[in-house]
mmCIF file of all heavy atoms, coordinates in Angstrom:
data_MODEL
# 
_entry.id   MODEL 
# 
loop_
_atom_site.group_PDB 
_atom_site.id 
_atom_site.type_symbol 
_atom_site.label_atom_id 
_atom_site.label_alt_id 
_atom_site.label_comp_id 
_atom_site.label_asym_id 
_atom_site.label_entity_id 
_atom_site.label_seq_id 
_atom_site.pdbx_PDB_ins_code 
_atom_site.Cartn_x 
_atom_site.Cartn_y 
_atom_site.Cartn_z 
_atom_site.occupancy 
_atom_site.B_iso_or_equiv 
_atom_site.pdbx_formal_charge 
_atom_site.auth_seq_id 
_atom_site.auth_comp_id 
_atom_site.auth_asym_id 
_atom_site.auth_atom_id 
_atom_site.pdbx_PDB_model_num 
ATOM 1   N N   . LYS A 1 1  ? -67.277 -72.678 104.097 1.00 0.00 ? 1  LYS A N   1 
ATOM 2   C CA  . LYS A 1 1  ? -66.240 -72.462 103.041 1.00 0.00 ? 1  LYS A CA  1 
ATOM 3   C C   . LYS A 1 1  ? -66.542 -71.253 102.211 1.00 0.00 ? 1  LYS A C   1 
ATOM 4   O O   . LYS A 1 1  ? -65.666 -70.463 101.873 1.00 0.00 ? 1  LYS A O   1 
ATOM 5   C CB  . LYS A 1 1  ? -66.199 -73.683 102.131 1.00 0.00 ? 1  LYS A CB  1 
ATOM 6   C CG  . LYS A 1 1  ? -65.605 -74.948 102.822 1.00 0.00 ? 1  LYS A CG  1 
ATOM 7   C CD  . LYS A 1 1  ? -65.562 -76.139 101.812 1.00 0.00 ? 1  LYS A CD  1 
ATOM 8   C CE  . LYS A 1 1  ? -65.043 -77.382 102.445 1.00 0.00 ? 1  LYS A CE  1 
ATOM 9   N NZ  . LYS A 1 1  ? -65.033 -78.557 101.527 1.00 0.00 ? 1  LYS A NZ  1 
ATOM 10  N N   . LEU A 1 2  ? -67.817 -71.106 101.824 1.00 0.00 ? 2  LEU A N   1 
ATOM 11  C CA  . LEU A 1 2  ? -68.155 -69.995 101.014 1.00 0.00 ? 2  LEU A CA  1 
ATOM 12  C C   . LEU A 1 2  ? -68.069 -68.656 101.766 1.00 0.00 ? 2  LEU A C   1 
ATOM 13  O O   . LEU A 1 2  ? -67.710 -67.597 101.184 1.00 0.00 ? 2  LEU A O   1 
ATOM 14  C CB  . LEU A 1 2  ? -69.612 -70.158 100.513 1.00 0.00 ? 2  LEU A CB  1 
ATOM 15  C CG  . LEU A 1 2  ? -69.832 -71.265 99.506  1.00 0.00 ? 2  LEU A CG  1 
ATOM 16  C CD1 . LEU A 1 2  ? -71.317 -71.449 99.229  1.00 0.00 ? 2  LEU A CD1 1 
ATOM 17  C CD2 . LEU A 1 2  ? -69.104 -71.000 98.202  1.00 0.00 ? 2  LEU A CD2 1 
ATOM 18  N N   . ALA A 1 3  ? -68.311 -68.688 103.069 1.00 0.00 ? 3  ALA A N   1 
ATOM 19  C CA  . ALA A 1 3  ? -68.231 -67.490 103.898 1.00 0.00 ? 3  ALA A CA  1 
ATOM 20  C C   . ALA A 1 3  ? -66.824 -66.986 103.988 1.00 0.00 ? 3  ALA A C   1 
ATOM 21  O O   . ALA A 1 3  ? -66.577 -65.814 104.204 1.00 0.00 ? 3  ALA A O   1 
ATOM 22  C CB  . ALA A 1 3  ? -68.771 -67.793 105.291 1.00 0.00 ? 3  ALA A CB  1 
ATOM 23  N N   . ARG A 1 4  ? -65.860 -67.855 103.765 1.00 0.00 ? 4  ARG A N   1 
ATOM 24  C CA  . ARG A 1 4  ? -64.455 -67.491 103.881 1.00 0.00 ? 4  ARG A CA  1 
ATOM 25  C C   . ARG A 1 4  ? -63.924 -66.868 102.567 1.00 0.00 ? 4  ARG A C   1 
ATOM 26  O O   . ARG A 1 4  ? -62.851 -66.315 102.495 1.00 0.00 ? 4  ARG A O   1 
ATOM 27  C CB  . ARG A 1 4  ? -63.543 -68.716 104.212 1.00 0.00 ? 4  ARG A CB  1 
ATOM 28  C CG  . ARG A 1 4  ? -63.740 -69.195 105.676 1.00 0.00 ? 4  ARG A CG  1 
ATOM 29  C CD  . ARG A 1 4  ? -62.629 -70.142 106.072 1.00 0.00 ? 4  ARG A CD  1 
ATOM 30  N NE  . ARG A 1 4  ? -62.665 -71.391 105.372 1.00 0.00 ? 4  ARG A NE  1 
ATOM 31  C CZ  . ARG A 1 4  ? -63.318 -72.452 105.839 1.00 0.00 ? 4  ARG A CZ  1 
ATOM 32  N NH1 . ARG A 1 4  ? -63.918 -72.421 107.021 1.00 0.00 ? 4  ARG A NH1 1 
ATOM 33  N NH2 . ARG A 1 4  ? -63.297 -73.637 105.136 1.00 0.00 ? 4  ARG A NH2 1 
ATOM 34  N N   . ARG A 1 5  ? -64.731 -66.993 101.473 1.00 0.00 ? 5  ARG A N   1 
ATOM 35  C CA  . ARG A 1 5  ? -64.391 -66.376 100.226 1.00 0.00 ? 5  ARG A CA  1 
ATOM 36  C C   . ARG A 1 5  ? -64.671 -64.864 100.291 1.00 0.00 ? 5  ARG A C   1 
ATOM 37  O O   . ARG A 1 5  ? -65.389 -64.395 101.170 1.00 0.00 ? 5  ARG A O   1 
ATOM 38  C CB  . ARG A 1 5  ? -65.203 -66.967 99.065  1.00 0.00 ? 5  ARG A CB  1 
ATOM 39  C CG  . ARG A 1 5  ? -65.027 -68.461 98.930  1.00 0.00 ? 5  ARG A CG  1 
ATOM 40  C CD  . ARG A 1 5  ? -63.636 -68.856 98.518  1.00 0.00 ? 5  ARG A CD  1 
ATOM 41  N NE  . ARG A 1 5  ? -63.398 -68.483 97.154  1.00 0.00 ? 5  ARG A NE  1 
ATOM 42  C CZ  . ARG A 1 5  ? -63.347 -69.324 96.149  1.00 0.00 ? 5  ARG A CZ  1 
ATOM 43  N NH1 . ARG A 1 5  ? -63.618 -70.669 96.347  1.00 0.00 ? 5  ARG A NH1 1 
ATOM 44  N NH2 . ARG A 1 5  ? -63.130 -68.965 94.925  1.00 0.00 ? 5  ARG A NH2 1 
ATOM 45  N N   . SER A 1 6  ? -64.049 -64.124 99.364  1.00 0.00 ? 6  SER A N   1 
ATOM 46  C CA  . SER A 1 6  ? -64.184 -62.616 99.435  1.00 0.00 ? 6  SER A CA  1 
ATOM 47  C C   . SER A 1 6  ? -65.661 -62.169 99.271  1.00 0.00 ? 6  SER A C   1 
ATOM 48  O O   . SER A 1 6  ? -66.070 -61.210 99.888  1.00 0.00 ? 6  SER A O   1 
ATOM 49  C CB  . SER A 1 6  ? -63.302 -62.058 98.294  1.00 0.00 ? 6  SER A CB  1 
ATOM 50  O OG  . SER A 1 6  ? -63.717 -62.452 97.029  1.00 0.00 ? 6  SER A OG  1 
ATOM 51  N N   . SER A 1 7  ? -66.412 -62.802 98.434  1.00 0.00 ? 7  SER A N   1 
ATOM 52  C CA  . SER A 1 7  ? -67.796 -62.429 98.216  1.00 0.00 ? 7  SER A CA  1 
ATOM 53  C C   . SER A 1 7  ? -68.689 -63.536 97.780  1.00 0.00 ? 7  SER A C   1 
ATOM 54  O O   . SER A 1 7  ? -68.395 -64.184 96.755  1.00 0.00 ? 7  SER A O   1 
ATOM 55  C CB  . SER A 1 7  ? -67.822 -61.261 97.223  1.00 0.00 ? 7  SER A CB  1 
ATOM 56  O OG  . SER A 1 7  ? -69.196 -60.889 96.921  1.00 0.00 ? 7  SER A OG  1 
ATOM 57  N N   . THR A 1 8  ? -69.733 -63.817 98.516  1.00 0.00 ? 8  THR A N   1 
ATOM 58  C CA  . THR A 1 8  ? -70.726 -64.848 98.197  1.00 0.00 ? 8  THR A CA  1 
ATOM 59  C C   . THR A 1 8  ? -72.114 -64.255 98.428  1.00 0.00 ? 8  THR A C   1 
ATOM 60  O O   . THR A 1 8  ? -72.372 -63.657 99.454  1.00 0.00 ? 8  THR A O   1 
ATOM 61  C CB  . THR A 1 8  ? -70.560 -66.100 99.052  1.00 0.00 ? 8  THR A CB  1 
ATOM 62  O OG1 . THR A 1 8  ? -69.231 -66.617 98.879  1.00 0.00 ? 8  THR A OG1 1 
ATOM 63  C CG2 . THR A 1 8  ? -71.530 -67.155 98.552  1.00 0.00 ? 8  THR A CG2 1 
ATOM 64  N N   . SER A 1 9  ? -72.987 -64.439 97.451  1.00 0.00 ? 9  SER A N   1 
ATOM 65  C CA  . SER A 1 9  ? -74.358 -63.931 97.592  1.00 0.00 ? 9  SER A CA  1 
ATOM 66  C C   . SER A 1 9  ? -75.337 -64.771 96.853  1.00 0.00 ? 9  SER A C   1 
ATOM 67  O O   . SER A 1 9  ? -74.971 -65.520 95.898  1.00 0.00 ? 9  SER A O   1 
ATOM 68  C CB  . SER A 1 9  ? -74.455 -62.480 97.045  1.00 0.00 ? 9  SER A CB  1 
ATOM 69  O OG  . SER A 1 9  ? -74.185 -62.423 95.666  1.00 0.00 ? 9  SER A OG  1 
ATOM 70  N N   . ILE A 1 10 ? -76.581 -64.779 97.322  1.00 0.00 ? 10 ILE A N   1 
ATOM 71  C CA  . ILE A 1 10 ? -77.665 -65.510 96.726  1.00 0.00 ? 10 ILE A CA  1 
ATOM 72  C C   . ILE A 1 10 ? -78.787 -64.558 96.402  1.00 0.00 ? 10 ILE A C   1 
ATOM 73  O O   . ILE A 1 10 ? -79.253 -63.773 97.260  1.00 0.00 ? 10 ILE A O   1 
ATOM 74  C CB  . ILE A 1 10 ? -78.168 -66.690 97.601  1.00 0.00 ? 10 ILE A CB  1 
ATOM 75  C CG1 . ILE A 1 10 ? -77.058 -67.735 97.732  1.00 0.00 ? 10 ILE A CG1 1 
ATOM 76  C CG2 . ILE A 1 10 ? -79.440 -67.272 97.050  1.00 0.00 ? 10 ILE A CG2 1 
ATOM 77  C CD1 . ILE A 1 10 ? -77.451 -68.855 98.664  1.00 0.00 ? 10 ILE A CD1 1 
ATOM 78  N N   . ASP A 1 11 ? -79.227 -64.487 95.149  1.00 0.00 ? 11 ASP A N   1 
ATOM 79  C CA  . ASP A 1 11 ? -80.361 -63.687 94.740  1.00 0.00 ? 11 ASP A CA  1 
ATOM 80  C C   . ASP A 1 11 ? -81.476 -64.569 94.196  1.00 0.00 ? 11 ASP A C   1 
ATOM 81  O O   . ASP A 1 11 ? -81.217 -65.490 93.495  1.00 0.00 ? 11 ASP A O   1 
ATOM 82  C CB  . ASP A 1 11 ? -79.938 -62.694 93.701  1.00 0.00 ? 11 ASP A CB  1 
ATOM 83  C CG  . ASP A 1 11 ? -78.846 -61.705 94.146  1.00 0.00 ? 11 ASP A CG  1 
ATOM 84  O OD1 . ASP A 1 11 ? -78.960 -61.186 95.259  1.00 0.00 ? 11 ASP A OD1 1 
ATOM 85  O OD2 . ASP A 1 11 ? -77.854 -61.522 93.360  1.00 0.00 ? 11 ASP A OD2 1 
ATOM 86  N N   . ILE A 1 12 ? -82.687 -64.188 94.531  1.00 0.00 ? 12 ILE A N   1 
ATOM 87  C CA  . ILE A 1 12 ? -83.897 -64.905 93.984  1.00 0.00 ? 12 ILE A CA  1 
ATOM 88  C C   . ILE A 1 12 ? -84.711 -63.820 93.297  1.00 0.00 ? 12 ILE A C   1 
ATOM 89  O O   . ILE A 1 12 ? -85.281 -62.976 93.892  1.00 0.00 ? 12 ILE A O   1 
ATOM 90  C CB  . ILE A 1 12 ? -84.650 -65.553 95.132  1.00 0.00 ? 12 ILE A CB  1 
ATOM 91  C CG1 . ILE A 1 12 ? -83.805 -66.622 95.882  1.00 0.00 ? 12 ILE A CG1 1 
ATOM 92  C CG2 . ILE A 1 12 ? -85.930 -66.269 94.531  1.00 0.00 ? 12 ILE A CG2 1 
ATOM 93  C CD1 . ILE A 1 12 ? -84.476 -67.238 97.062  1.00 0.00 ? 12 ILE A CD1 1 
ATOM 94  N N   . VAL A 1 13 ? -84.734 -63.987 91.959  1.00 0.00 ? 13 VAL A N   1 
ATOM 95  C CA  . VAL A 1 13 ? -85.390 -62.986 91.058  1.00 0.00 ? 13 VAL A CA  1 
ATOM 96  C C   . VAL A 1 13 ? -86.803 -63.493 90.710  1.00 0.00 ? 13 VAL A C   1 
ATOM 97  O O   . VAL A 1 13 ? -86.937 -64.668 90.318  1.00 0.00 ? 13 VAL A O   1 
ATOM 98  C CB  . VAL A 1 13 ? -84.621 -62.720 89.862  1.00 0.00 ? 13 VAL A CB  1 
ATOM 99  C CG1 . VAL A 1 13 ? -85.256 -61.676 88.930  1.00 0.00 ? 13 VAL A CG1 1 
ATOM 100 C CG2 . VAL A 1 13 ? -83.131 -62.300 90.162  1.00 0.00 ? 13 VAL A CG2 1 
ATOM 101 N N   . SER A 1 14 ? -87.789 -62.665 90.834  1.00 0.00 ? 14 SER A N   1 
ATOM 102 C CA  . SER A 1 14 ? -89.145 -63.132 90.598  1.00 0.00 ? 14 SER A CA  1 
ATOM 103 C C   . SER A 1 14 ? -89.979 -62.125 89.741  1.00 0.00 ? 14 SER A C   1 
ATOM 104 O O   . SER A 1 14 ? -91.082 -62.503 89.286  1.00 0.00 ? 14 SER A O   1 
ATOM 105 C CB  . SER A 1 14 ? -89.890 -63.473 91.890  1.00 0.00 ? 14 SER A CB  1 
ATOM 106 O OG  . SER A 1 14 ? -89.920 -62.253 92.714  1.00 0.00 ? 14 SER A OG  1 
ATOM 107 N N   . GLU A 1 15 ? -89.528 -60.916 89.583  1.00 0.00 ? 15 GLU A N   1 
ATOM 108 C CA  . GLU A 1 15 ? -90.297 -59.926 88.851  1.00 0.00 ? 15 GLU A CA  1 
ATOM 109 C C   . GLU A 1 15 ? -89.750 -59.504 87.512  1.00 0.00 ? 15 GLU A C   1 
ATOM 110 O O   . GLU A 1 15 ? -88.508 -59.625 87.369  1.00 0.00 ? 15 GLU A O   1 
ATOM 111 C CB  . GLU A 1 15 ? -90.417 -58.682 89.747  1.00 0.00 ? 15 GLU A CB  1 
ATOM 112 C CG  . GLU A 1 15 ? -91.110 -58.934 91.066  1.00 0.00 ? 15 GLU A CG  1 
ATOM 113 C CD  . GLU A 1 15 ? -91.249 -57.704 91.940  1.00 0.00 ? 15 GLU A CD  1 
ATOM 114 O OE1 . GLU A 1 15 ? -90.720 -56.673 91.475  1.00 0.00 ? 15 GLU A OE1 1 
ATOM 115 O OE2 . GLU A 1 15 ? -91.842 -57.754 92.995  1.00 0.00 ? 15 GLU A OE2 1 
ATOM 116 N N   . PRO A 1 16 ? -90.584 -59.111 86.576  1.00 0.00 ? 16 PRO A N   1 
ATOM 117 C CA  . PRO A 1 16 ? -90.063 -58.688 85.228  1.00 0.00 ? 16 PRO A CA  1 
ATOM 118 C C   . PRO A 1 16 ? -89.222 -57.407 85.361  1.00 0.00 ? 16 PRO A C   1 
ATOM 119 O O   . PRO A 1 16 ? -89.371 -56.715 86.419  1.00 0.00 ? 16 PRO A O   1 
ATOM 120 C CB  . PRO A 1 16 ? -91.366 -58.394 84.448  1.00 0.00 ? 16 PRO A CB  1 
ATOM 121 C CG  . PRO A 1 16 ? -92.491 -59.048 85.244  1.00 0.00 ? 16 PRO A CG  1 
ATOM 122 C CD  . PRO A 1 16 ? -92.015 -59.067 86.658  1.00 0.00 ? 16 PRO A CD  1 
ATOM 123 N N   . GLY A 1 17 ? -88.393 -57.196 84.353  1.00 0.00 ? 17 GLY A N   1 
ATOM 124 C CA  . GLY A 1 17 ? -87.611 -55.969 84.385  1.00 0.00 ? 17 GLY A CA  1 
ATOM 125 C C   . GLY A 1 17 ? -86.161 -56.196 83.963  1.00 0.00 ? 17 GLY A C   1 
ATOM 126 O O   . GLY A 1 17 ? -85.811 -57.335 83.565  1.00 0.00 ? 17 GLY A O   1 
ATOM 127 N N   . GLU A 1 18 ? -85.350 -55.211 84.135  1.00 0.00 ? 18 GLU A N   1 
ATOM 128 C CA  . GLU A 1 18 ? -83.969 -55.330 83.674  1.00 0.00 ? 18 GLU A CA  1 
ATOM 129 C C   . GLU A 1 18 ? -83.202 -56.366 84.518  1.00 0.00 ? 18 GLU A C   1 
ATOM 130 O O   . GLU A 1 18 ? -82.368 -57.066 83.981  1.00 0.00 ? 18 GLU A O   1 
ATOM 131 C CB  . GLU A 1 18 ? -83.260 -53.952 83.767  1.00 0.00 ? 18 GLU A CB  1 
ATOM 132 C CG  . GLU A 1 18 ? -81.810 -53.901 83.259  1.00 0.00 ? 18 GLU A CG  1 
ATOM 133 C CD  . GLU A 1 18 ? -81.261 -52.549 83.314  1.00 0.00 ? 18 GLU A CD  1 
ATOM 134 O OE1 . GLU A 1 18 ? -82.024 -51.564 83.524  1.00 0.00 ? 18 GLU A OE1 1 
ATOM 135 O OE2 . GLU A 1 18 ? -80.010 -52.430 83.116  1.00 0.00 ? 18 GLU A OE2 1 
ATOM 136 N N   . VAL A 1 19 ? -83.468 -56.368 85.794  1.00 0.00 ? 19 VAL A N   1 
ATOM 137 C CA  . VAL A 1 19 ? -82.783 -57.364 86.662  1.00 0.00 ? 19 VAL A CA  1 
ATOM 138 C C   . VAL A 1 19 ? -83.082 -58.756 86.188  1.00 0.00 ? 19 VAL A C   1 
ATOM 139 O O   . VAL A 1 19 ? -82.214 -59.600 86.198  1.00 0.00 ? 19 VAL A O   1 
ATOM 140 C CB  . VAL A 1 19 ? -83.246 -57.194 88.149  1.00 0.00 ? 19 VAL A CB  1 
ATOM 141 C CG1 . VAL A 1 19 ? -82.671 -58.258 89.018  1.00 0.00 ? 19 VAL A CG1 1 
ATOM 142 C CG2 . VAL A 1 19 ? -82.773 -55.780 88.675  1.00 0.00 ? 19 VAL A CG2 1 
ATOM 143 N N   . LEU A 1 20 ? -84.301 -59.036 85.815  1.00 0.00 ? 20 LEU A N   1 
ATOM 144 C CA  . LEU A 1 20 ? -84.713 -60.351 85.305  1.00 0.00 ? 20 LEU A CA  1 
ATOM 145 C C   . LEU A 1 20 ? -83.971 -60.691 83.994  1.00 0.00 ? 20 LEU A C   1 
ATOM 146 O O   . LEU A 1 20 ? -83.445 -61.822 83.858  1.00 0.00 ? 20 LEU A O   1 
ATOM 147 C CB  . LEU A 1 20 ? -86.165 -60.445 85.075  1.00 0.00 ? 20 LEU A CB  1 
ATOM 148 C CG  . LEU A 1 20 ? -86.670 -61.767 84.434  1.00 0.00 ? 20 LEU A CG  1 
ATOM 149 C CD1 . LEU A 1 20 ? -86.312 -62.975 85.374  1.00 0.00 ? 20 LEU A CD1 1 
ATOM 150 C CD2 . LEU A 1 20 ? -88.154 -61.758 84.159  1.00 0.00 ? 20 LEU A CD2 1 
ATOM 151 N N   . SER A 1 21 ? -83.815 -59.748 83.110  1.00 0.00 ? 21 SER A N   1 
ATOM 152 C CA  . SER A 1 21 ? -83.131 -59.981 81.861  1.00 0.00 ? 21 SER A CA  1 
ATOM 153 C C   . SER A 1 21 ? -81.749 -60.376 82.107  1.00 0.00 ? 21 SER A C   1 
ATOM 154 O O   . SER A 1 21 ? -81.186 -61.305 81.512  1.00 0.00 ? 21 SER A O   1 
ATOM 155 C CB  . SER A 1 21 ? -83.184 -58.684 80.991  1.00 0.00 ? 21 SER A CB  1 
ATOM 156 O OG  . SER A 1 21 ? -84.517 -58.382 80.688  1.00 0.00 ? 21 SER A OG  1 
ATOM 157 N N   . GLU A 1 22 ? -81.036 -59.658 83.014  1.00 0.00 ? 22 GLU A N   1 
ATOM 158 C CA  . GLU A 1 22 ? -79.664 -59.965 83.356  1.00 0.00 ? 22 GLU A CA  1 
ATOM 159 C C   . GLU A 1 22 ? -79.551 -61.364 84.063  1.00 0.00 ? 22 GLU A C   1 
ATOM 160 O O   . GLU A 1 22 ? -78.613 -62.138 83.794  1.00 0.00 ? 22 GLU A O   1 
ATOM 161 C CB  . GLU A 1 22 ? -79.074 -58.888 84.318  1.00 0.00 ? 22 GLU A CB  1 
ATOM 162 C CG  . GLU A 1 22 ? -78.943 -57.519 83.622  1.00 0.00 ? 22 GLU A CG  1 
ATOM 163 C CD  . GLU A 1 22 ? -78.526 -56.510 84.609  1.00 0.00 ? 22 GLU A CD  1 
ATOM 164 O OE1 . GLU A 1 22 ? -78.440 -56.742 85.770  1.00 0.00 ? 22 GLU A OE1 1 
ATOM 165 O OE2 . GLU A 1 22 ? -78.283 -55.339 84.138  1.00 0.00 ? 22 GLU A OE2 1 
ATOM 166 N N   . ALA A 1 23 ? -80.537 -61.697 84.933  1.00 0.00 ? 23 ALA A N   1 
ATOM 167 C CA  . ALA A 1 23 ? -80.561 -62.974 85.557  1.00 0.00 ? 23 ALA A CA  1 
ATOM 168 C C   . ALA A 1 23 ? -80.791 -64.126 84.584  1.00 0.00 ? 23 ALA A C   1 
ATOM 169 O O   . ALA A 1 23 ? -80.144 -65.190 84.725  1.00 0.00 ? 23 ALA A O   1 
ATOM 170 C CB  . ALA A 1 23 ? -81.678 -62.976 86.661  1.00 0.00 ? 23 ALA A CB  1 
ATOM 171 N N   . ILE A 1 24 ? -81.617 -63.889 83.586  1.00 0.00 ? 24 ILE A N   1 
ATOM 172 C CA  . ILE A 1 24 ? -81.823 -64.873 82.555  1.00 0.00 ? 24 ILE A CA  1 
ATOM 173 C C   . ILE A 1 24 ? -80.574 -65.180 81.798  1.00 0.00 ? 24 ILE A C   1 
ATOM 174 O O   . ILE A 1 24 ? -80.171 -66.327 81.495  1.00 0.00 ? 24 ILE A O   1 
ATOM 175 C CB  . ILE A 1 24 ? -82.985 -64.513 81.628  1.00 0.00 ? 24 ILE A CB  1 
ATOM 176 C CG1 . ILE A 1 24 ? -84.332 -64.555 82.391  1.00 0.00 ? 24 ILE A CG1 1 
ATOM 177 C CG2 . ILE A 1 24 ? -83.050 -65.409 80.401  1.00 0.00 ? 24 ILE A CG2 1 
ATOM 178 C CD1 . ILE A 1 24 ? -85.504 -64.098 81.564  1.00 0.00 ? 24 ILE A CD1 1 
ATOM 179 N N   . GLU A 1 25 ? -79.892 -64.108 81.441  1.00 0.00 ? 25 GLU A N   1 
ATOM 180 C CA  . GLU A 1 25 ? -78.621 -64.265 80.695  1.00 0.00 ? 25 GLU A CA  1 
ATOM 181 C C   . GLU A 1 25 ? -77.600 -65.018 81.599  1.00 0.00 ? 25 GLU A C   1 
ATOM 182 O O   . GLU A 1 25 ? -76.861 -65.885 81.056  1.00 0.00 ? 25 GLU A O   1 
ATOM 183 C CB  . GLU A 1 25 ? -78.029 -62.869 80.324  1.00 0.00 ? 25 GLU A CB  1 
ATOM 184 C CG  . GLU A 1 25 ? -78.849 -62.155 79.291  1.00 0.00 ? 25 GLU A CG  1 
ATOM 185 C CD  . GLU A 1 25 ? -78.165 -60.827 78.912  1.00 0.00 ? 25 GLU A CD  1 
ATOM 186 O OE1 . GLU A 1 25 ? -77.165 -60.509 79.479  1.00 0.00 ? 25 GLU A OE1 1 
ATOM 187 O OE2 . GLU A 1 25 ? -78.789 -60.052 78.144  1.00 0.00 ? 25 GLU A OE2 1 
ATOM 188 N N   . ALA A 1 26 ? -77.519 -64.755 82.840  1.00 0.00 ? 26 ALA A N   1 
ATOM 189 C CA  . ALA A 1 26 ? -76.625 -65.436 83.760  1.00 0.00 ? 26 ALA A CA  1 
ATOM 190 C C   . ALA A 1 26 ? -77.002 -66.955 83.811  1.00 0.00 ? 26 ALA A C   1 
ATOM 191 O O   . ALA A 1 26 ? -76.134 -67.783 83.821  1.00 0.00 ? 26 ALA A O   1 
ATOM 192 C CB  . ALA A 1 26 ? -76.652 -64.845 85.100  1.00 0.00 ? 26 ALA A CB  1 
# 
């Protein structure tokens, strides 16, 4: 079902930095 949607992704964040800050907010 998810594959039929326009965009589906899974991210696993593990390191400090700007990406982590955005992931924490999410």
